[in-house]
Amino acid sequence: MEIEQQLLNVLEQGLLAFMILVIMFGMGASLTLQDFRLVLERPRGVLIGFLSQFGLMPALAYGLARLLHLPPELAVALVLIGCLPGGTTSNMFAYFARGSVAMSITMTAASTVMALFMMPILLNVYASGFAREVEASAAAMGEGGTFIIPHLNIILSLLLVLVPVAAGMLLRKISLGWAKAAEDTASFTGIIVILFLLGSVVIRHGGLFLQTPGRVYLASVGIGVSGFLFGYGLARIMRLPKRYCRTISLETGIQNGPIAFAIILLSFADPYQSQMLWLAILYSAFIVMTSSFITLFYRRIGTYDWEVHNNERIHQRLFGHDYISPLPVHPAE
């Protein structure tokens, strides 16, 4: 798949960068230091979430890229998406799916910080082979040049997006009301970013949708869906409560798309930048749709255990923290 012109012009890239800052600022406004302390208080669930986030997802991305025989530059983009930390969108979906919002926020916070260390390692393990394939393909066409995974640029990109996160956390400490407004604005801005990117492509590169091979669409949809399935399965194998399973499932499949945009724009050059950015745009668009469907399904099947959990919380307030509800976790049990 060749994109003859730059996917986004300089003005559009500037607007995208501004919207990324707004989104990450809103993400920070949803976090507190207490969310990070919860990592120590709930280590088992968060560790399983960490394993699914940085263990399963990169491997799934690599496997999908090989299975679908993606061009190597798109395979690098898919692996990059698989290595990303979770996004704030997962917190919203966890709420509607009757999951644990506290765990979702904790996993998002922890994975965002850990990405600084994990992404360079994972990209070196899973994407370096694809990078060599890009170089070999370019050499065969007489283009020459090198295609390397710019680990330092990626770390700097992550540090840059963490600055507005820290600013958002500071705002939350100063004013809870303004922080809530920033959080809501960020959620809305996330949707605007996707619509903006798709609209820009439609106006300037309308034929790109038809030009995109079916395997690229399969990859952009499949990485999120497989993350949902394997994340839920791993949590069930480890015998976590079902509301935690739903949370880990969503946190695994929903990656932080804005960070992907920032890394690609800051770390890669055309002609590869536009192709990688296009895959990230498709993933971001499809993950909203698939997340909505899976959330509706989780909300339906999670009604009973969610009500048992809420009743147990009420009973513990009345009869003490050690009280355990006599109701079975599942009506069939």
Protein backbone atom coordinates (compact mmCIF):
# COMPACT_ATOMS: atom_id res chain seq x y z
CA MET A 1 0.00 0.00 0.00
CA GLU A 2 1.56 3.27 -1.13
CA ILE A 3 0.49 6.73 0.05
CA GLU A 4 1.82 9.09 -2.59
CA GLN A 5 1.29 12.31 -0.63
CA GLN A 6 1.88 13.13 3.01
CA LEU A 7 -1.14 11.87 4.93
CA LEU A 8 -1.38 15.00 7.12
CA ASN A 9 -0.01 18.42 6.22
CA VAL A 10 1.90 20.63 8.67
CA LEU A 11 -1.22 22.48 9.87
CA GLU A 12 -3.10 19.23 10.47
CA GLN A 13 -0.14 17.78 12.34
CA GLY A 14 -0.06 20.89 14.55
CA LEU A 15 -3.77 20.58 15.32
CA LEU A 16 -3.32 16.88 16.04
CA ALA A 17 -0.45 17.62 18.45
CA PHE A 18 -2.61 20.17 20.29
CA MET A 19 -5.49 17.69 20.60
CA ILE A 20 -3.08 15.04 21.91
CA LEU A 21 -1.99 17.49 24.64
CA VAL A 22 -5.64 18.15 25.56
CA ILE A 23 -6.38 14.42 25.76
CA MET A 24 -3.35 13.62 27.91
CA PHE A 25 -4.09 16.63 30.15
CA GLY A 26 -7.61 15.28 30.65
CA MET A 27 -6.19 11.85 31.40
CA GLY A 28 -4.03 13.37 34.12
CA ALA A 29 -7.05 15.20 35.50
CA SER A 30 -8.70 11.80 36.09
CA LEU A 31 -5.76 10.47 38.13
CA THR A 32 -4.53 10.96 41.69
CA LEU A 33 -1.50 9.70 43.58
CA GLN A 34 -3.91 7.36 45.35
CA ASP A 35 -4.49 5.58 42.03
CA PHE A 36 -0.80 4.69 41.96
CA ARG A 37 -0.89 3.55 45.59
CA LEU A 38 -3.66 1.12 44.65
CA VAL A 39 -1.08 -0.75 42.59
CA LEU A 40 0.50 -1.86 45.88
CA GLU A 41 -2.85 -2.58 47.53
CA ARG A 42 -4.20 -4.68 44.63
CA PRO A 43 -1.03 -6.22 43.23
CA ARG A 44 -2.51 -9.47 41.88
CA GLY A 45 -5.10 -7.96 39.56
CA VAL A 46 -2.76 -5.22 38.37
CA LEU A 47 0.09 -7.70 37.75
CA ILE A 48 -2.22 -9.86 35.64
CA GLY A 49 -3.29 -6.72 33.80
CA PHE A 50 0.38 -5.83 33.30
CA LEU A 51 1.04 -9.30 31.87
CA SER A 52 -1.88 -8.98 29.45
CA GLN A 53 -0.92 -5.41 28.49
CA PHE A 54 2.80 -5.89 27.91
CA GLY A 55 2.93 -9.67 27.49
CA LEU A 56 -0.09 -10.70 25.44
CA MET A 57 -0.67 -7.64 23.28
CA PRO A 58 2.78 -7.31 21.69
CA ALA A 59 2.83 -11.05 20.98
CA LEU A 60 -0.67 -10.88 19.47
CA ALA A 61 0.36 -7.92 17.31
CA TYR A 62 3.45 -9.77 16.09
CA GLY A 63 1.44 -12.92 15.38
CA LEU A 64 -1.24 -10.99 13.48
CA ALA A 65 1.38 -9.18 11.39
CA ARG A 66 2.96 -12.50 10.42
CA LEU A 67 -0.35 -14.29 9.88
CA LEU A 68 -1.72 -11.55 7.62
CA HIS A 69 1.62 -11.02 5.83
CA LEU A 70 1.53 -7.28 6.43
CA PRO A 71 4.12 -5.10 4.69
CA PRO A 72 6.98 -4.66 7.18
CA GLU A 73 6.39 -0.93 7.79
CA LEU A 74 2.75 -1.65 8.67
CA ALA A 75 3.86 -4.59 10.81
CA VAL A 76 6.05 -2.17 12.79
CA ALA A 77 3.01 0.10 13.27
CA LEU A 78 0.87 -2.83 14.45
CA VAL A 79 3.53 -3.96 16.93
CA LEU A 80 3.83 -0.36 18.13
CA ILE A 81 0.08 -0.33 18.80
CA GLY A 82 0.38 -3.64 20.63
CA CYS A 83 3.09 -2.20 22.90
CA LEU A 84 1.17 0.94 23.88
CA PRO A 85 -0.16 1.58 27.38
CA GLY A 86 -3.88 1.64 28.03
CA GLY A 87 -5.97 4.69 27.21
CA THR A 88 -8.43 6.68 29.31
CA THR A 89 -11.25 5.52 27.03
CA SER A 90 -11.00 2.13 28.72
CA ASN A 91 -11.96 3.73 32.06
CA MET A 92 -15.23 4.94 30.58
CA PHE A 93 -15.98 1.60 28.94
CA ALA A 94 -15.12 -0.25 32.18
CA TYR A 95 -17.77 1.82 33.98
CA PHE A 96 -20.49 1.00 31.46
CA ALA A 97 -19.42 -2.68 31.31
CA ARG A 98 -20.00 -3.04 35.08
CA GLY A 99 -16.29 -3.52 35.62
CA SER A 100 -13.97 -2.06 38.26
CA VAL A 101 -13.31 1.58 37.43
CA ALA A 102 -10.72 1.79 40.23
CA MET A 103 -8.75 -1.09 38.72
CA SER A 104 -9.09 0.36 35.21
CA ILE A 105 -7.72 3.74 36.32
CA THR A 106 -4.94 2.04 38.27
CA MET A 107 -3.96 -0.09 35.27
CA THR A 108 -4.02 2.95 32.97
CA ALA A 109 -1.81 4.94 35.32
CA ALA A 110 0.63 2.08 35.90
CA SER A 111 0.89 1.07 32.23
CA THR A 112 1.48 4.68 31.13
CA VAL A 113 4.50 4.97 33.44
CA MET A 114 5.79 1.45 32.71
CA ALA A 115 5.59 2.09 28.97
CA LEU A 116 8.70 4.24 29.35
CA PHE A 117 10.67 1.10 30.14
CA MET A 118 8.67 -1.61 28.39
CA MET A 119 8.08 -0.12 24.93
CA PRO A 120 11.74 0.15 23.87
CA ILE A 121 12.38 -3.42 25.05
CA LEU A 122 9.28 -4.87 23.37
CA LEU A 123 9.84 -3.00 20.12
CA ASN A 124 13.39 -4.29 20.02
CA VAL A 125 12.14 -7.86 20.52
CA TYR A 126 9.15 -7.83 18.16
CA ALA A 127 9.78 -5.08 15.60
CA SER A 128 13.51 -5.16 14.85
CA GLY A 129 13.05 -8.01 12.35
CA PHE A 130 10.38 -6.04 10.48
CA ALA A 131 12.69 -3.00 10.44
CA ARG A 132 15.37 -5.07 8.73
CA GLU A 133 12.78 -6.24 6.19
CA VAL A 134 11.94 -2.60 5.38
CA GLU A 135 15.62 -1.88 4.75
CA ALA A 136 15.99 -4.99 2.57
CA SER A 137 12.91 -4.05 0.55
CA ALA A 138 14.17 -0.50 0.03
CA ALA A 139 17.60 -1.79 -1.01
CA ALA A 140 16.03 -4.18 -3.52
CA MET A 141 14.19 -1.25 -5.09
CA GLY A 142 17.41 0.75 -5.25
CA GLU A 143 16.24 3.31 -2.70
CA GLY A 144 18.81 2.56 -0.02
CA GLY A 145 18.63 4.30 3.33
CA THR A 146 18.01 2.82 6.77
CA PHE A 147 14.88 2.16 8.79
CA ILE A 148 15.60 1.92 12.49
CA ILE A 149 13.36 1.81 15.55
CA PRO A 150 14.25 5.16 17.19
CA HIS A 151 14.12 4.05 20.83
CA LEU A 152 15.36 7.38 22.19
CA ASN A 153 12.74 9.31 20.21
CA ILE A 154 10.04 6.96 21.48
CA ILE A 155 11.12 7.48 25.10
CA LEU A 156 11.19 11.25 24.55
CA SER A 157 7.73 11.09 22.97
CA LEU A 158 6.39 9.24 26.01
CA LEU A 159 8.02 11.76 28.34
CA LEU A 160 6.46 14.61 26.37
CA VAL A 161 2.95 13.17 26.66
CA LEU A 162 3.48 12.54 30.38
CA VAL A 163 4.07 16.27 30.98
CA PRO A 164 0.39 17.20 30.36
CA VAL A 165 -0.61 14.13 32.39
CA ALA A 166 1.32 15.52 35.37
CA ALA A 167 -0.21 18.96 34.78
CA GLY A 168 -3.69 17.41 34.79
CA MET A 169 -2.96 15.64 38.09
CA LEU A 170 -1.84 18.98 39.55
CA LEU A 171 -5.09 20.60 38.40
CA ARG A 172 -7.09 17.83 40.09
CA LYS A 173 -5.27 18.53 43.33
CA ILE A 174 -6.03 22.25 43.05
CA SER A 175 -9.63 22.08 41.79
CA LEU A 176 -11.71 18.93 41.51
CA GLY A 177 -14.40 20.78 39.53
CA TRP A 178 -12.03 22.04 36.86
CA ALA A 179 -10.37 18.63 36.72
CA LYS A 180 -13.71 16.97 36.03
CA ALA A 181 -14.35 19.49 33.24
CA ALA A 182 -10.90 18.74 31.76
CA GLU A 183 -11.57 14.99 31.98
CA ASP A 184 -14.90 15.30 30.17
CA THR A 185 -13.33 17.58 27.55
CA ALA A 186 -10.60 15.01 26.93
CA SER A 187 -13.11 12.22 26.34
CA PHE A 188 -14.96 14.37 23.83
CA THR A 189 -11.70 15.47 22.21
CA GLY A 190 -10.69 11.82 21.69
CA ILE A 191 -13.71 11.32 19.45
CA ILE A 192 -13.02 14.62 17.67
CA VAL A 193 -9.43 13.51 16.98
CA ILE A 194 -10.60 10.34 15.23
CA LEU A 195 -13.26 12.20 13.22
CA PHE A 196 -10.74 14.91 12.34
CA LEU A 197 -8.18 12.40 11.09
CA LEU A 198 -10.72 10.40 9.11
CA GLY A 199 -12.26 13.58 7.68
CA SER A 200 -8.86 14.89 6.62
CA VAL A 201 -8.08 11.62 4.87
CA VAL A 202 -11.47 11.48 3.16
CA ILE A 203 -11.11 15.04 1.82
CA ARG A 204 -7.53 14.75 0.62
CA HIS A 205 -7.05 11.00 0.09
CA GLY A 206 -10.55 9.65 -0.56
CA GLY A 207 -9.31 6.73 -2.61
CA LEU A 208 -7.17 5.47 0.27
CA PHE A 209 -10.08 3.51 1.75
CA LEU A 210 -10.44 1.49 -1.46
CA GLN A 211 -6.68 1.24 -1.87
CA THR A 212 -6.24 -0.23 1.61
CA PRO A 213 -6.00 -4.05 1.43
CA GLY A 214 -8.46 -6.14 3.40
CA ARG A 215 -5.65 -7.59 5.53
CA VAL A 216 -4.88 -4.09 6.84
CA TYR A 217 -8.50 -3.70 7.94
CA LEU A 218 -8.34 -7.17 9.52
CA ALA A 219 -5.18 -6.20 11.41
CA SER A 220 -6.60 -2.91 12.69
CA VAL A 221 -9.77 -4.64 13.94
CA GLY A 222 -8.18 -7.91 15.00
CA ILE A 223 -5.60 -6.48 17.39
CA GLY A 224 -8.28 -4.93 19.59
CA VAL A 225 -10.71 -7.87 19.43
CA SER A 226 -7.99 -10.44 20.20
CA GLY A 227 -6.88 -8.24 23.11
CA PHE A 228 -10.41 -8.33 24.53
CA LEU A 229 -10.65 -12.13 24.21
CA PHE A 230 -7.21 -13.07 25.49
CA GLY A 231 -7.28 -10.47 28.27
CA TYR A 232 -10.57 -11.86 29.58
CA GLY A 233 -9.36 -15.45 29.19
CA LEU A 234 -6.13 -14.81 31.14
CA ALA A 235 -8.03 -13.13 33.97
CA ARG A 236 -10.49 -16.05 34.16
CA ILE A 237 -7.65 -18.60 34.20
CA MET A 238 -6.18 -16.69 37.15
CA ARG A 239 -9.60 -16.89 38.86
CA LEU A 240 -10.19 -13.17 39.21
CA PRO A 241 -13.75 -11.91 39.91
CA LYS A 242 -15.70 -11.45 36.71
CA ARG A 243 -15.91 -7.68 37.03
CA TYR A 244 -12.08 -7.66 37.12
CA CYS A 245 -12.04 -9.96 34.08
CA ARG A 246 -14.20 -7.49 32.15
CA THR A 247 -11.94 -4.63 33.24
CA ILE A 248 -8.70 -6.37 32.22
CA SER A 249 -10.29 -7.39 28.92
CA LEU A 250 -11.13 -3.79 28.03
CA GLU A 251 -7.85 -2.43 29.38
CA THR A 252 -5.95 -4.95 27.24
CA GLY A 253 -7.77 -4.33 23.97
CA ILE A 254 -8.06 -0.53 24.20
CA GLN A 255 -4.64 1.01 23.58
CA ASN A 256 -3.70 4.68 23.85
CA GLY A 257 -4.13 5.83 20.24
CA PRO A 258 -3.03 9.45 20.84
CA ILE A 259 0.35 8.22 22.09
CA ALA A 260 0.69 6.17 18.89
CA PHE A 261 0.04 9.31 16.82
CA ALA A 262 2.63 11.26 18.82
CA ILE A 263 5.30 8.57 18.53
CA ILE A 264 4.79 8.09 14.78
CA LEU A 265 4.83 11.83 14.05
CA LEU A 266 7.93 12.45 16.17
CA SER A 267 9.90 9.31 15.39
CA PHE A 268 9.37 8.35 11.74
CA ALA A 269 9.64 10.10 8.37
CA ASP A 270 7.76 9.67 5.11
CA PRO A 271 7.07 7.58 3.12
CA TYR A 272 6.76 5.27 6.16
CA GLN A 273 5.23 7.83 8.52
CA SER A 274 2.00 8.22 6.53
CA GLN A 275 1.51 4.46 6.16
CA MET A 276 2.09 3.82 9.85
CA LEU A 277 -0.17 6.72 10.81
CA TRP A 278 -2.93 5.35 8.58
CA LEU A 279 -2.91 2.02 10.42
CA ALA A 280 -3.04 3.84 13.78
CA ILE A 281 -6.01 5.90 12.54
CA LEU A 282 -7.87 2.77 11.43
CA TYR A 283 -7.20 1.08 14.76
CA SER A 284 -8.45 4.12 16.69
CA ALA A 285 -11.63 4.29 14.61
CA PHE A 286 -12.45 0.58 14.84
CA ILE A 287 -11.60 0.22 18.52
CA VAL A 288 -14.38 2.67 19.42
CA MET A 289 -16.89 0.50 17.52
CA THR A 290 -15.69 -2.87 18.82
CA SER A 291 -15.38 -1.53 22.38
CA SER A 292 -18.98 -0.35 22.25
CA PHE A 293 -20.24 -3.79 21.19
CA ILE A 294 -18.15 -5.69 23.74
CA THR A 295 -19.18 -3.26 26.49
CA LEU A 296 -22.88 -3.79 25.77
CA PHE A 297 -22.30 -7.55 25.90
CA TYR A 298 -20.34 -7.32 29.17
CA ARG A 299 -22.97 -5.05 30.69
CA ARG A 300 -25.65 -7.61 29.92
CA ILE A 301 -23.84 -10.68 31.26
CA GLY A 302 -22.42 -8.79 34.24
CA THR A 303 -25.70 -7.65 35.79
CA TYR A 304 -25.92 -10.35 38.46
CA ASP A 305 -22.35 -10.38 39.78
CA TRP A 306 -22.33 -6.56 39.73
CA GLU A 307 -25.46 -6.48 41.92
CA VAL A 308 -23.95 -9.06 44.29
CA HIS A 309 -20.81 -6.91 44.55
CA ASN A 310 -22.81 -3.76 45.33
CA ASN A 311 -24.97 -5.57 47.89
CA GLU A 312 -21.84 -6.93 49.58
CA ARG A 313 -20.38 -3.41 49.80
CA ILE A 314 -23.58 -2.20 51.49
CA HIS A 315 -23.55 -5.16 53.90
CA GLN A 316 -19.92 -4.52 54.80
CA ARG A 317 -20.76 -0.94 55.71
CA LEU A 318 -23.51 -2.24 57.99
CA PHE A 319 -21.92 -5.38 59.45
CA GLY A 320 -18.16 -4.84 59.09
CA HIS A 321 -15.46 -5.13 56.46
CA ASP A 322 -15.11 -8.93 56.85
CA TYR A 323 -18.75 -9.66 56.02
CA ILE A 324 -19.21 -11.95 52.99
CA SER A 325 -22.52 -12.01 51.15
CA PRO A 326 -24.34 -15.39 51.29
CA LEU A 327 -25.42 -14.94 47.67
CA PRO A 328 -23.52 -17.00 45.07
CA VAL A 329 -21.28 -15.07 42.71
CA HIS A 330 -23.25 -16.52 39.79
CA PRO A 331 -26.94 -17.60 39.86
CA ALA A 332 -26.00 -21.06 38.56
CA GLU A 333 -23.52 -21.68 41.38
